[in-house]
Amino acid sequence: MGMPIVIRFRDGLKEAVGHPRYPFQIGIAIPLLHPTVDGLPEDSEAKELDTIESSLKNVIVAGGGVFVMAITTNGMRELVFYFPNMDATIIQDTVDSLSVAPHKLQFMIQEDSRWDTYKTLIPSS
């Protein structure tokens, strides 16, 4: 049996999905410190993750990105954004500027102008 997956996605993205203004997908992963046997966060850690998520959303959206979803599964929460450029320095500086200890943030950025990552998980888009 597989691990449960919780996907929260931002509503009201119809105008943004696949828009040429946002050709790059950013994934910021936050490994859980003490996942449950199901790979999900305990309540206390979930609150910490929500705070980290809120901080990342504020900074990345202010920088021109759009938040699309949060995926929690298998000992990890991943935040997915789409962004207008591939300047990884901006994202790295953002990640480094946040005080999230003892959590460690990991990020990746890739071209995804058709929003395939989003469409795979939200097929009705």
PDB file of N, CA and C in Angstrom:
ATOM      1  N   MET A   1       0.844  -1.174   0.000  1.00  0.00           N
ATOM      2  CA  MET A   1       0.000   0.000   0.000  1.00  0.00           C
ATOM      3  C   MET A   1       0.892   1.240   0.000  1.00  0.00           C
ATOM      4  N   GLY A   2       0.534   2.239  -0.819  1.00  0.00           N
ATOM      5  CA  GLY A   2       1.311   3.466  -0.921  1.00  0.00           C
ATOM      6  C   GLY A   2       1.017   4.431   0.216  1.00  0.00           C
ATOM      7  N   MET A   3       1.814   5.447   0.274  1.00  0.00           N
ATOM      8  CA  MET A   3       1.655   6.495   1.277  1.00  0.00           C
ATOM      9  C   MET A   3       0.541   7.452   0.841  1.00  0.00           C
ATOM     10  N   PRO A   4      -0.165   8.038   1.801  1.00  0.00           N
ATOM     11  CA  PRO A   4      -1.177   9.032   1.451  1.00  0.00           C
ATOM     12  C   PRO A   4      -0.511  10.289   0.886  1.00  0.00           C
ATOM     13  N   ILE A   5      -1.259  11.005   0.081  1.00  0.00           N
ATOM     14  CA  ILE A   5      -0.786  12.256  -0.487  1.00  0.00           C
ATOM     15  C   ILE A   5      -1.870  13.310  -0.273  1.00  0.00           C
ATOM     16  N   VAL A   6      -1.458  14.473   0.182  1.00  0.00           N
ATOM     17  CA  VAL A   6      -2.376  15.588   0.378  1.00  0.00           C
ATOM     18  C   VAL A   6      -1.931  16.691  -0.571  1.00  0.00           C
ATOM     19  N   ILE A   7      -2.831  17.094  -1.459  1.00  0.00           N
ATOM     20  CA  ILE A   7      -2.536  18.164  -2.408  1.00  0.00           C
ATOM     21  C   ILE A   7      -3.517  19.302  -2.166  1.00  0.00           C
ATOM     22  N   ARG A   8      -2.963  20.463  -1.870  1.00  0.00           N
ATOM     23  CA  ARG A   8      -3.775  21.681  -1.773  1.00  0.00           C
ATOM     24  C   ARG A   8      -3.379  22.546  -2.953  1.00  0.00           C
ATOM     25  N   PHE A   9      -4.349  22.955  -3.725  1.00  0.00           N
ATOM     26  CA  PHE A   9      -4.015  23.796  -4.856  1.00  0.00           C
ATOM     27  C   PHE A   9      -4.767  25.112  -4.777  1.00  0.00           C
ATOM     28  N   ARG A  10      -4.143  26.104  -5.352  1.00  0.00           N
ATOM     29  CA  ARG A  10      -4.731  27.436  -5.353  1.00  0.00           C
ATOM     30  C   ARG A  10      -5.854  27.476  -6.371  1.00  0.00           C
ATOM     31  N   ASP A  11      -6.989  27.937  -5.935  1.00  0.00           N
ATOM     32  CA  ASP A  11      -8.143  28.093  -6.808  1.00  0.00           C
ATOM     33  C   ASP A  11      -7.983  29.385  -7.618  1.00  0.00           C
ATOM     34  N   GLY A  12      -8.674  29.461  -8.732  1.00  0.00           N
ATOM     35  CA  GLY A  12      -8.676  30.687  -9.523  1.00  0.00           C
ATOM     36  C   GLY A  12      -7.450  30.879 -10.392  1.00  0.00           C
ATOM     37  N   LEU A  13      -6.849  29.798 -10.846  1.00  0.00           N
ATOM     38  CA  LEU A  13      -5.641  29.900 -11.671  1.00  0.00           C
ATOM     39  C   LEU A  13      -5.921  29.789 -13.166  1.00  0.00           C
ATOM     40  N   LYS A  14      -7.165  29.726 -13.552  1.00  0.00           N
ATOM     41  CA  LYS A  14      -7.507  29.477 -14.954  1.00  0.00           C
ATOM     42  C   LYS A  14      -6.765  30.413 -15.912  1.00  0.00           C
ATOM     43  N   GLU A  15      -6.670  31.689 -15.560  1.00  0.00           N
ATOM     44  CA  GLU A  15      -5.998  32.662 -16.426  1.00  0.00           C
ATOM     45  C   GLU A  15      -4.483  32.451 -16.470  1.00  0.00           C
ATOM     46  N   ALA A  16      -3.908  31.903 -15.409  1.00  0.00           N
ATOM     47  CA  ALA A  16      -2.451  31.769 -15.317  1.00  0.00           C
ATOM     48  C   ALA A  16      -1.930  30.472 -15.930  1.00  0.00           C
ATOM     49  N   VAL A  17      -2.720  29.400 -15.898  1.00  0.00           N
ATOM     50  CA  VAL A  17      -2.236  28.089 -16.337  1.00  0.00           C
ATOM     51  C   VAL A  17      -1.768  28.146 -17.790  1.00  0.00           C
ATOM     52  N   GLY A  18      -0.488  27.830 -17.985  1.00  0.00           N
ATOM     53  CA  GLY A  18       0.099  27.812 -19.312  1.00  0.00           C
ATOM     54  C   GLY A  18       0.414  29.190 -19.872  1.00  0.00           C
ATOM     55  N   HIS A  19       0.208  30.239 -19.098  1.00  0.00           N
ATOM     56  CA  HIS A  19       0.469  31.596 -19.577  1.00  0.00           C
ATOM     57  C   HIS A  19       1.956  31.750 -19.870  1.00  0.00           C
ATOM     58  N   PRO A  20       2.309  32.349 -21.005  1.00  0.00           N
ATOM     59  CA  PRO A  20       3.731  32.487 -21.346  1.00  0.00           C
ATOM     60  C   PRO A  20       4.521  33.358 -20.369  1.00  0.00           C
ATOM     61  N   ARG A  21       3.831  34.099 -19.523  1.00  0.00           N
ATOM     62  CA  ARG A  21       4.534  34.917 -18.519  1.00  0.00           C
ATOM     63  C   ARG A  21       5.205  34.039 -17.462  1.00  0.00           C
ATOM     64  N   TYR A  22       4.744  32.802 -17.279  1.00  0.00           N
ATOM     65  CA  TYR A  22       5.251  31.923 -16.221  1.00  0.00           C
ATOM     66  C   TYR A  22       5.767  30.604 -16.799  1.00  0.00           C
ATOM     67  N   PRO A  23       6.883  30.630 -17.520  1.00  0.00           N
ATOM     68  CA  PRO A  23       7.356  29.403 -18.166  1.00  0.00           C
ATOM     69  C   PRO A  23       8.215  28.474 -17.303  1.00  0.00           C
ATOM     70  N   PHE A  24       8.538  28.896 -16.079  1.00  0.00           N
ATOM     71  CA  PHE A  24       9.427  28.085 -15.252  1.00  0.00           C
ATOM     72  C   PHE A  24       8.732  27.621 -13.983  1.00  0.00           C
ATOM     73  N   GLN A  25       8.892  26.344 -13.699  1.00  0.00           N
ATOM     74  CA  GLN A  25       8.288  25.746 -12.510  1.00  0.00           C
ATOM     75  C   GLN A  25       9.360  25.642 -11.439  1.00  0.00           C
ATOM     76  N   ILE A  26       8.998  26.076 -10.237  1.00  0.00           N
ATOM     77  CA  ILE A  26       9.889  26.002  -9.086  1.00  0.00           C
ATOM     78  C   ILE A  26       9.279  25.032  -8.085  1.00  0.00           C
ATOM     79  N   GLY A  27      10.071  24.118  -7.599  1.00  0.00           N
ATOM     80  CA  GLY A  27       9.646  23.228  -6.524  1.00  0.00           C
ATOM     81  C   GLY A  27      10.538  23.461  -5.314  1.00  0.00           C
ATOM     82  N   ILE A  28       9.931  23.764  -4.191  1.00  0.00           N
ATOM     83  CA  ILE A  28      10.690  23.917  -2.950  1.00  0.00           C
ATOM     84  C   ILE A  28      10.222  22.817  -2.008  1.00  0.00           C
ATOM     85  N   ALA A  29      11.142  21.920  -1.690  1.00  0.00           N
ATOM     86  CA  ALA A  29      10.823  20.764  -0.852  1.00  0.00           C
ATOM     87  C   ALA A  29      11.315  21.005   0.571  1.00  0.00           C
ATOM     88  N   ILE A  30      10.477  20.588   1.507  1.00  0.00           N
ATOM     89  CA  ILE A  30      10.812  20.691   2.930  1.00  0.00           C
ATOM     90  C   ILE A  30      10.680  19.282   3.522  1.00  0.00           C
ATOM     91  N   PRO A  31      11.807  18.595   3.727  1.00  0.00           N
ATOM     92  CA  PRO A  31      11.731  17.278   4.360  1.00  0.00           C
ATOM     93  C   PRO A  31      11.182  17.410   5.787  1.00  0.00           C
ATOM     94  N   LEU A  32      10.294  16.512   6.166  1.00  0.00           N
ATOM     95  CA  LEU A  32       9.723  16.532   7.509  1.00  0.00           C
ATOM     96  C   LEU A  32      10.763  16.038   8.514  1.00  0.00           C
ATOM     97  N   LEU A  33      10.726  16.606   9.691  1.00  0.00           N
ATOM     98  CA  LEU A  33      11.659  16.202  10.745  1.00  0.00           C
ATOM     99  C   LEU A  33      11.210  14.926  11.442  1.00  0.00           C
ATOM    100  N   HIS A  34       9.904  14.827  11.687  1.00  0.00           N
ATOM    101  CA  HIS A  34       9.355  13.683  12.410  1.00  0.00           C
ATOM    102  C   HIS A  34       8.034  13.254  11.769  1.00  0.00           C
ATOM    103  N   PRO A  35       8.101  12.658  10.574  1.00  0.00           N
ATOM    104  CA  PRO A  35       6.846  12.256   9.926  1.00  0.00           C
ATOM    105  C   PRO A  35       6.160  11.125  10.681  1.00  0.00           C
ATOM    106  N   THR A  36       4.851  11.069  10.534  1.00  0.00           N
ATOM    107  CA  THR A  36       4.094   9.957  11.092  1.00  0.00           C
ATOM    108  C   THR A  36       4.411   8.702  10.277  1.00  0.00           C
ATOM    109  N   VAL A  37       3.917   7.565  10.690  1.00  0.00           N
ATOM    110  CA  VAL A  37       4.145   6.326   9.944  1.00  0.00           C
ATOM    111  C   VAL A  37       3.554   6.420   8.549  1.00  0.00           C
ATOM    112  N   ASP A  38       2.581   7.310   8.367  1.00  0.00           N
ATOM    113  CA  ASP A  38       1.972   7.525   7.050  1.00  0.00           C
ATOM    114  C   ASP A  38       2.750   8.529   6.197  1.00  0.00           C
ATOM    115  N   GLY A  39       3.840   9.084   6.747  1.00  0.00           N
ATOM    116  CA  GLY A  39       4.650  10.030   5.992  1.00  0.00           C
ATOM    117  C   GLY A  39       4.127  11.458   6.019  1.00  0.00           C
ATOM    118  N   LEU A  40       3.188  11.743   6.919  1.00  0.00           N
ATOM    119  CA  LEU A  40       2.609  13.080   7.027  1.00  0.00           C
ATOM    120  C   LEU A  40       3.156  13.773   8.270  1.00  0.00           C
ATOM    121  N   PRO A  41       3.037  15.097   8.356  1.00  0.00           N
ATOM    122  CA  PRO A  41       3.558  15.785   9.529  1.00  0.00           C
ATOM    123  C   PRO A  41       2.651  15.641  10.745  1.00  0.00           C
ATOM    124  N   GLU A  42       3.263  15.642  11.915  1.00  0.00           N
ATOM    125  CA  GLU A  42       2.490  15.720  13.153  1.00  0.00           C
ATOM    126  C   GLU A  42       1.945  17.145  13.253  1.00  0.00           C
ATOM    127  N   ASP A  43       0.941  17.355  14.107  1.00  0.00           N
ATOM    128  CA  ASP A  43       0.291  18.670  14.200  1.00  0.00           C
ATOM    129  C   ASP A  43       1.265  19.805  14.468  1.00  0.00           C
ATOM    130  N   SER A  44       2.183  19.610  15.396  1.00  0.00           N
ATOM    131  CA  SER A  44       3.119  20.695  15.731  1.00  0.00           C
ATOM    132  C   SER A  44       4.015  21.045  14.541  1.00  0.00           C
ATOM    133  N   GLU A  45       4.471  20.038  13.814  1.00  0.00           N
ATOM    134  CA  GLU A  45       5.319  20.312  12.653  1.00  0.00           C
ATOM    135  C   GLU A  45       4.494  20.891  11.505  1.00  0.00           C
ATOM    136  N   ALA A  46       3.246  20.497  11.392  1.00  0.00           N
ATOM    137  CA  ALA A  46       2.379  21.051  10.350  1.00  0.00           C
ATOM    138  C   ALA A  46       2.261  22.563  10.510  1.00  0.00           C
ATOM    139  N   LYS A  47       2.181  23.034  11.753  1.00  0.00           N
ATOM    140  CA  LYS A  47       2.109  24.480  12.000  1.00  0.00           C
ATOM    141  C   LYS A  47       3.403  25.164  11.565  1.00  0.00           C
ATOM    142  N   GLU A  48       4.537  24.539  11.834  1.00  0.00           N
ATOM    143  CA  GLU A  48       5.822  25.095  11.404  1.00  0.00           C
ATOM    144  C   GLU A  48       5.887  25.157   9.874  1.00  0.00           C
ATOM    145  N   LEU A  49       5.445  24.093   9.224  1.00  0.00           N
ATOM    146  CA  LEU A  49       5.449  24.049   7.766  1.00  0.00           C
ATOM    147  C   LEU A  49       4.540  25.128   7.188  1.00  0.00           C
ATOM    148  N   ASP A  50       3.402  25.360   7.816  1.00  0.00           N
ATOM    149  CA  ASP A  50       2.494  26.410   7.351  1.00  0.00           C
ATOM    150  C   ASP A  50       3.157  27.784   7.426  1.00  0.00           C
ATOM    151  N   THR A  51       3.926  28.017   8.480  1.00  0.00           N
ATOM    152  CA  THR A  51       4.632  29.294   8.630  1.00  0.00           C
ATOM    153  C   THR A  51       5.698  29.448   7.548  1.00  0.00           C
ATOM    154  N   ILE A  52       6.463  28.387   7.306  1.00  0.00           N
ATOM    155  CA  ILE A  52       7.483  28.411   6.258  1.00  0.00           C
ATOM    156  C   ILE A  52       6.821  28.646   4.902  1.00  0.00           C
ATOM    157  N   GLU A  53       5.741  27.931   4.651  1.00  0.00           N
ATOM    158  CA  GLU A  53       5.018  28.063   3.383  1.00  0.00           C
ATOM    159  C   GLU A  53       4.541  29.503   3.179  1.00  0.00           C
ATOM    160  N   SER A  54       3.980  30.087   4.209  1.00  0.00           N
ATOM    161  CA  SER A  54       3.488  31.460   4.120  1.00  0.00           C
ATOM    162  C   SER A  54       4.630  32.427   3.793  1.00  0.00           C
ATOM    163  N   SER A  55       5.768  32.254   4.436  1.00  0.00           N
ATOM    164  CA  SER A  55       6.924  33.120   4.179  1.00  0.00           C
ATOM    165  C   SER A  55       7.408  32.978   2.742  1.00  0.00           C
ATOM    166  N   LEU A  56       7.514  31.744   2.272  1.00  0.00           N
ATOM    167  CA  LEU A  56       7.962  31.518   0.896  1.00  0.00           C
ATOM    168  C   LEU A  56       6.977  32.104  -0.115  1.00  0.00           C
ATOM    169  N   LYS A  57       5.698  31.894   0.128  1.00  0.00           N
ATOM    170  CA  LYS A  57       4.681  32.455  -0.780  1.00  0.00           C
ATOM    171  C   LYS A  57       4.835  33.967  -0.862  1.00  0.00           C
ATOM    172  N   ASN A  58       4.936  34.621   0.291  1.00  0.00           N
ATOM    173  CA  ASN A  58       5.033  36.084   0.303  1.00  0.00           C
ATOM    174  C   ASN A  58       6.211  36.578  -0.521  1.00  0.00           C
ATOM    175  N   VAL A  59       7.368  35.972  -0.327  1.00  0.00           N
ATOM    176  CA  VAL A  59       8.577  36.436  -1.002  1.00  0.00           C
ATOM    177  C   VAL A  59       8.543  36.115  -2.496  1.00  0.00           C
ATOM    178  N   ILE A  60       8.158  34.904  -2.856  1.00  0.00           N
ATOM    179  CA  ILE A  60       8.195  34.506  -4.268  1.00  0.00           C
ATOM    180  C   ILE A  60       7.104  35.212  -5.065  1.00  0.00           C
ATOM    181  N   VAL A  61       5.928  35.352  -4.497  1.00  0.00           N
ATOM    182  CA  VAL A  61       4.853  36.066  -5.194  1.00  0.00           C
ATOM    183  C   VAL A  61       5.229  37.540  -5.354  1.00  0.00           C
ATOM    184  N   ALA A  62       5.839  38.130  -4.335  1.00  0.00           N
ATOM    185  CA  ALA A  62       6.291  39.520  -4.444  1.00  0.00           C
ATOM    186  C   ALA A  62       7.348  39.668  -5.541  1.00  0.00           C
ATOM    187  N   GLY A  63       8.100  38.604  -5.803  1.00  0.00           N
ATOM    188  CA  GLY A  63       9.117  38.615  -6.852  1.00  0.00           C
ATOM    189  C   GLY A  63       8.578  38.312  -8.234  1.00  0.00           C
ATOM    190  N   GLY A  64       7.265  38.130  -8.360  1.00  0.00           N
ATOM    191  CA  GLY A  64       6.663  37.914  -9.674  1.00  0.00           C
ATOM    192  C   GLY A  64       6.182  36.507  -9.931  1.00  0.00           C
ATOM    193  N   GLY A  65       6.342  35.611  -8.966  1.00  0.00           N
ATOM    194  CA  GLY A  65       5.900  34.235  -9.153  1.00  0.00           C
ATOM    195  C   GLY A  65       4.450  34.043  -8.762  1.00  0.00           C
ATOM    196  N   VAL A  66       3.936  32.868  -9.085  1.00  0.00           N
ATOM    197  CA  VAL A  66       2.571  32.517  -8.724  1.00  0.00           C
ATOM    198  C   VAL A  66       2.604  31.159  -8.005  1.00  0.00           C
ATOM    199  N   PHE A  67       1.992  31.112  -6.827  1.00  0.00           N
ATOM    200  CA  PHE A  67       1.892  29.867  -6.067  1.00  0.00           C
ATOM    201  C   PHE A  67       0.762  29.045  -6.663  1.00  0.00           C
ATOM    202  N   VAL A  68       1.005  27.730  -6.868  1.00  0.00           N
ATOM    203  CA  VAL A  68      -0.053  26.902  -7.439  1.00  0.00           C
ATOM    204  C   VAL A  68      -0.493  25.746  -6.550  1.00  0.00           C
ATOM    205  N   MET A  69       0.430  25.126  -5.794  1.00  0.00           N
ATOM    206  CA  MET A  69      -0.002  24.003  -4.963  1.00  0.00           C
ATOM    207  C   MET A  69       1.042  23.631  -3.924  1.00  0.00           C
ATOM    208  N   ALA A  70       0.557  22.899  -2.920  1.00  0.00           N
ATOM    209  CA  ALA A  70       1.419  22.294  -1.905  1.00  0.00           C
ATOM    210  C   ALA A  70       1.097  20.804  -1.879  1.00  0.00           C
ATOM    211  N   ILE A  71       2.136  19.994  -1.919  1.00  0.00           N
ATOM    212  CA  ILE A  71       1.993  18.542  -1.926  1.00  0.00           C
ATOM    213  C   ILE A  71       2.686  17.999  -0.682  1.00  0.00           C
ATOM    214  N   THR A  72       1.957  17.239   0.112  1.00  0.00           N
ATOM    215  CA  THR A  72       2.547  16.629   1.298  1.00  0.00           C
ATOM    216  C   THR A  72       2.386  15.118   1.180  1.00  0.00           C
ATOM    217  N   THR A  73       3.513  14.425   1.208  1.00  0.00           N
ATOM    218  CA  THR A  73       3.506  12.965   1.114  1.00  0.00           C
ATOM    219  C   THR A  73       4.892  12.417   1.441  1.00  0.00           C
ATOM    220  N   ASN A  74       4.928  11.206   1.921  1.00  0.00           N
ATOM    221  CA  ASN A  74       6.168  10.450   2.077  1.00  0.00           C
ATOM    222  C   ASN A  74       7.282  11.236   2.773  1.00  0.00           C
ATOM    223  N   GLY A  75       6.940  11.933   3.856  1.00  0.00           N
ATOM    224  CA  GLY A  75       7.942  12.627   4.641  1.00  0.00           C
ATOM    225  C   GLY A  75       8.425  13.946   4.069  1.00  0.00           C
ATOM    226  N   MET A  76       7.623  14.565   3.197  1.00  0.00           N
ATOM    227  CA  MET A  76       8.060  15.778   2.524  1.00  0.00           C
ATOM    228  C   MET A  76       6.852  16.668   2.216  1.00  0.00           C
ATOM    229  N   ARG A  77       7.068  17.984   2.268  1.00  0.00           N
ATOM    230  CA  ARG A  77       6.089  18.923   1.719  1.00  0.00           C
ATOM    231  C   ARG A  77       6.795  19.664   0.603  1.00  0.00           C
ATOM    232  N   GLU A  78       6.163  19.706  -0.557  1.00  0.00           N
ATOM    233  CA  GLU A  78       6.719  20.450  -1.687  1.00  0.00           C
ATOM    234  C   GLU A  78       5.759  21.547  -2.079  1.00  0.00           C
ATOM    235  N   LEU A  79       6.316  22.733  -2.250  1.00  0.00           N
ATOM    236  CA  LEU A  79       5.557  23.886  -2.707  1.00  0.00           C
ATOM    237  C   LEU A  79       5.887  24.105  -4.173  1.00  0.00           C
ATOM    238  N   VAL A  80       4.868  24.297  -4.973  1.00  0.00           N
ATOM    239  CA  VAL A  80       5.063  24.464  -6.411  1.00  0.00           C
ATOM    240  C   VAL A  80       4.635  25.874  -6.815  1.00  0.00           C
ATOM    241  N   PHE A  81       5.542  26.541  -7.500  1.00  0.00           N
ATOM    242  CA  PHE A  81       5.314  27.889  -8.014  1.00  0.00           C
ATOM    243  C   PHE A  81       5.637  27.899  -9.501  1.00  0.00           C
ATOM    244  N   TYR A  82       5.111  28.888 -10.203  1.00  0.00           N
ATOM    245  CA  TYR A  82       5.556  29.169 -11.570  1.00  0.00           C
ATOM    246  C   TYR A  82       6.097  30.586 -11.560  1.00  0.00           C
ATOM    247  N   PHE A  83       7.150  30.797 -12.370  1.00  0.00           N
ATOM    248  CA  PHE A  83       7.932  32.020 -12.266  1.00  0.00           C
ATOM    249  C   PHE A  83       8.284  32.534 -13.658  1.00  0.00           C
ATOM    250  N   PRO A  84       8.469  33.861 -13.795  1.00  0.00           N
ATOM    251  CA  PRO A  84       8.730  34.428 -15.119  1.00  0.00           C
ATOM    252  C   PRO A  84      10.136  34.197 -15.675  1.00  0.00           C
ATOM    253  N   ASN A  85      11.114  33.920 -14.828  1.00  0.00           N
ATOM    254  CA  ASN A  85      12.457  33.706 -15.365  1.00  0.00           C
ATOM    255  C   ASN A  85      13.150  32.591 -14.598  1.00  0.00           C
ATOM    256  N   MET A  86      14.293  32.187 -15.127  1.00  0.00           N
ATOM    257  CA  MET A  86      14.990  31.043 -14.547  1.00  0.00           C
ATOM    258  C   MET A  86      16.207  31.466 -13.733  1.00  0.00           C
ATOM    259  N   ASP A  87      16.171  32.643 -13.180  1.00  0.00           N
ATOM    260  CA  ASP A  87      17.296  33.123 -12.391  1.00  0.00           C
ATOM    261  C   ASP A  87      17.299  32.419 -11.038  1.00  0.00           C
ATOM    262  N   ALA A  88      18.027  31.333 -10.969  1.00  0.00           N
ATOM    263  CA  ALA A  88      18.070  30.533  -9.747  1.00  0.00           C
ATOM    264  C   ALA A  88      18.666  31.309  -8.578  1.00  0.00           C
ATOM    265  N   THR A  89      19.442  32.343  -8.863  1.00  0.00           N
ATOM    266  CA  THR A  89      20.029  33.150  -7.799  1.00  0.00           C
ATOM    267  C   THR A  89      18.941  33.791  -6.946  1.00  0.00           C
ATOM    268  N   ILE A  90      17.895  34.288  -7.590  1.00  0.00           N
ATOM    269  CA  ILE A  90      16.782  34.910  -6.865  1.00  0.00           C
ATOM    270  C   ILE A  90      16.161  33.898  -5.912  1.00  0.00           C
ATOM    271  N   ILE A  91      15.922  32.697  -6.412  1.00  0.00           N
ATOM    272  CA  ILE A  91      15.282  31.672  -5.591  1.00  0.00           C
ATOM    273  C   ILE A  91      16.220  31.231  -4.477  1.00  0.00           C
ATOM    274  N   GLN A  92      17.491  31.006  -4.803  1.00  0.00           N
ATOM    275  CA  GLN A  92      18.447  30.593  -3.777  1.00  0.00           C
ATOM    276  C   GLN A  92      18.572  31.655  -2.700  1.00  0.00           C
ATOM    277  N   ASP A  93      18.651  32.920  -3.091  1.00  0.00           N
ATOM    278  CA  ASP A  93      18.733  34.006  -2.101  1.00  0.00           C
ATOM    279  C   ASP A  93      17.486  34.025  -1.220  1.00  0.00           C
ATOM    280  N   THR A  94      16.329  33.784  -1.825  1.00  0.00           N
ATOM    281  CA  THR A  94      15.078  33.747  -1.072  1.00  0.00           C
ATOM    282  C   THR A  94      15.106  32.605  -0.058  1.00  0.00           C
ATOM    283  N   VAL A  95      15.480  31.431  -0.520  1.00  0.00           N
ATOM    284  CA  VAL A  95      15.542  30.253   0.348  1.00  0.00           C
ATOM    285  C   VAL A  95      16.548  30.492   1.471  1.00  0.00           C
ATOM    286  N   ASP A  96      17.705  31.046   1.135  1.00  0.00           N
ATOM    287  CA  ASP A  96      18.746  31.282   2.140  1.00  0.00           C
ATOM    288  C   ASP A  96      18.353  32.363   3.144  1.00  0.00           C
ATOM    289  N   SER A  97      17.514  33.307   2.722  1.00  0.00           N
ATOM    290  CA  SER A  97      17.164  34.425   3.598  1.00  0.00           C
ATOM    291  C   SER A  97      16.154  34.053   4.679  1.00  0.00           C
ATOM    292  N   LEU A  98      15.482  32.947   4.502  1.00  0.00           N
ATOM    293  CA  LEU A  98      14.466  32.548   5.469  1.00  0.00           C
ATOM    294  C   LEU A  98      15.083  31.746   6.602  1.00  0.00           C
ATOM    295  N   SER A  99      14.697  32.080   7.794  1.00  0.00           N
ATOM    296  CA  SER A  99      15.162  31.347   8.960  1.00  0.00           C
ATOM    297  C   SER A  99      14.150  30.239   9.253  1.00  0.00           C
ATOM    298  N   VAL A 100      14.475  29.032   8.861  1.00  0.00           N
ATOM    299  CA  VAL A 100      13.534  27.923   8.993  1.00  0.00           C
ATOM    300  C   VAL A 100      14.113  26.767   9.809  1.00  0.00           C
ATOM    301  N   ALA A 101      15.239  26.998  10.465  1.00  0.00           N
ATOM    302  CA  ALA A 101      15.882  25.942  11.249  1.00  0.00           C
ATOM    303  C   ALA A 101      14.885  25.383  12.261  1.00  0.00           C
ATOM    304  N   PRO A 102      14.897  24.107  12.457  1.00  0.00           N
ATOM    305  CA  PRO A 102      15.865  23.119  11.992  1.00  0.00           C
ATOM    306  C   PRO A 102      15.521  22.514  10.626  1.00  0.00           C
ATOM    307  N   HIS A 103      14.493  23.021   9.969  1.00  0.00           N
ATOM    308  CA  HIS A 103      14.144  22.503   8.644  1.00  0.00           C
ATOM    309  C   HIS A 103      15.193  22.924   7.616  1.00  0.00           C
ATOM    310  N   LYS A 104      15.352  22.093   6.624  1.00  0.00           N
ATOM    311  CA  LYS A 104      16.259  22.370   5.511  1.00  0.00           C
ATOM    312  C   LYS A 104      15.417  22.436   4.243  1.00  0.00           C
ATOM    313  N   LEU A 105      15.600  23.498   3.484  1.00  0.00           N
ATOM    314  CA  LEU A 105      14.851  23.658   2.243  1.00  0.00           C
ATOM    315  C   LEU A 105      15.698  23.204   1.068  1.00  0.00           C
ATOM    316  N   GLN A 106      15.045  22.567   0.110  1.00  0.00           N
ATOM    317  CA  GLN A 106      15.692  22.160  -1.134  1.00  0.00           C
ATOM    318  C   GLN A 106      14.861  22.753  -2.257  1.00  0.00           C
ATOM    319  N   PHE A 107      15.514  23.195  -3.326  1.00  0.00           N
ATOM    320  CA  PHE A 107      14.715  23.709  -4.424  1.00  0.00           C
ATOM    321  C   PHE A 107      15.261  23.266  -5.765  1.00  0.00           C
ATOM    322  N   MET A 108      14.374  23.280  -6.725  1.00  0.00           N
ATOM    323  CA  MET A 108      14.743  23.000  -8.111  1.00  0.00           C
ATOM    324  C   MET A 108      13.923  23.930  -8.985  1.00  0.00           C
ATOM    325  N   ILE A 109      14.454  24.213 -10.147  1.00  0.00           N
ATOM    326  CA  ILE A 109      13.745  25.035 -11.113  1.00  0.00           C
ATOM    327  C   ILE A 109      13.922  24.392 -12.482  1.00  0.00           C
ATOM    328  N   GLN A 110      12.848  24.358 -13.260  1.00  0.00           N
ATOM    329  CA  GLN A 110      12.906  23.751 -14.583  1.00  0.00           C
ATOM    330  C   GLN A 110      11.939  24.466 -15.515  1.00  0.00           C
ATOM    331  N   GLU A 111      12.221  24.392 -16.786  1.00  0.00           N
ATOM    332  CA  GLU A 111      11.296  24.954 -17.758  1.00  0.00           C
ATOM    333  C   GLU A 111      10.061  24.053 -17.821  1.00  0.00           C
ATOM    334  N   ASP A 112       8.913  24.650 -17.791  1.00  0.00           N
ATOM    335  CA  ASP A 112       7.635  23.914 -17.860  1.00  0.00           C
ATOM    336  C   ASP A 112       6.572  24.881 -18.393  1.00  0.00           C
ATOM    337  N   SER A 113       6.816  25.390 -19.588  1.00  0.00           N
ATOM    338  CA  SER A 113       5.951  26.428 -20.151  1.00  0.00           C
ATOM    339  C   SER A 113       4.523  25.947 -20.394  1.00  0.00           C
ATOM    340  N   ARG A 114       4.339  24.639 -20.505  1.00  0.00           N
ATOM    341  CA  ARG A 114       2.971  24.110 -20.691  1.00  0.00           C
ATOM    342  C   ARG A 114       2.309  23.744 -19.362  1.00  0.00           C
ATOM    343  N   TRP A 115       3.031  23.957 -18.267  1.00  0.00           N
ATOM    344  CA  TRP A 115       2.533  23.651 -16.921  1.00  0.00           C
ATOM    345  C   TRP A 115       2.188  22.164 -16.775  1.00  0.00           C
ATOM    346  N   ASP A 116       3.013  21.310 -17.357  1.00  0.00           N
ATOM    347  CA  ASP A 116       2.753  19.866 -17.302  1.00  0.00           C
ATOM    348  C   ASP A 116       2.732  19.338 -15.876  1.00  0.00           C
ATOM    349  N   THR A 117       3.623  19.854 -14.999  1.00  0.00           N
ATOM    350  CA  THR A 117       3.647  19.405 -13.613  1.00  0.00           C
ATOM    351  C   THR A 117       2.284  19.664 -12.957  1.00  0.00           C
ATOM    352  N   TYR A 118       1.790  20.855 -13.132  1.00  0.00           N
ATOM    353  CA  TYR A 118       0.496  21.234 -12.564  1.00  0.00           C
ATOM    354  C   TYR A 118      -0.619  20.392 -13.164  1.00  0.00           C
ATOM    355  N   LYS A 119      -0.641  20.275 -14.485  1.00  0.00           N
ATOM    356  CA  LYS A 119      -1.722  19.563 -15.165  1.00  0.00           C
ATOM    357  C   LYS A 119      -1.739  18.066 -14.828  1.00  0.00           C
ATOM    358  N   THR A 120      -0.575  17.507 -14.525  1.00  0.00           N
ATOM    359  CA  THR A 120      -0.508  16.093 -14.148  1.00  0.00           C
ATOM    360  C   THR A 120      -1.240  15.846 -12.841  1.00  0.00           C
ATOM    361  N   LEU A 121      -1.096  16.767 -11.894  1.00  0.00           N
ATOM    362  CA  LEU A 121      -1.704  16.585 -10.586  1.00  0.00           C
ATOM    363  C   LEU A 121      -3.108  17.178 -10.501  1.00  0.00           C
ATOM    364  N   ILE A 122      -3.416  18.141 -11.335  1.00  0.00           N
ATOM    365  CA  ILE A 122      -4.743  18.767 -11.362  1.00  0.00           C
ATOM    366  C   ILE A 122      -5.285  18.578 -12.780  1.00  0.00           C
ATOM    367  N   PRO A 123      -5.743  17.383 -13.113  1.00  0.00           N
ATOM    368  CA  PRO A 123      -6.099  17.064 -14.493  1.00  0.00           C
ATOM    369  C   PRO A 123      -7.280  17.861 -15.063  1.00  0.00           C
ATOM    370  N   SER A 124      -8.089  18.468 -14.230  1.00  0.00           N
ATOM    371  CA  SER A 124      -9.243  19.204 -14.748  1.00  0.00           C
ATOM    372  C   SER A 124      -8.858  20.603 -15.210  1.00  0.00           C
ATOM    373  N   SER A 125      -7.576  20.964 -15.123  1.00  0.00           N
ATOM    374  CA  SER A 125      -7.160  22.312 -15.504  1.00  0.00           C
ATOM    375  C   SER A 125      -7.065  22.456 -17.014  1.00  0.00           C
TER     376      SER A 125
END
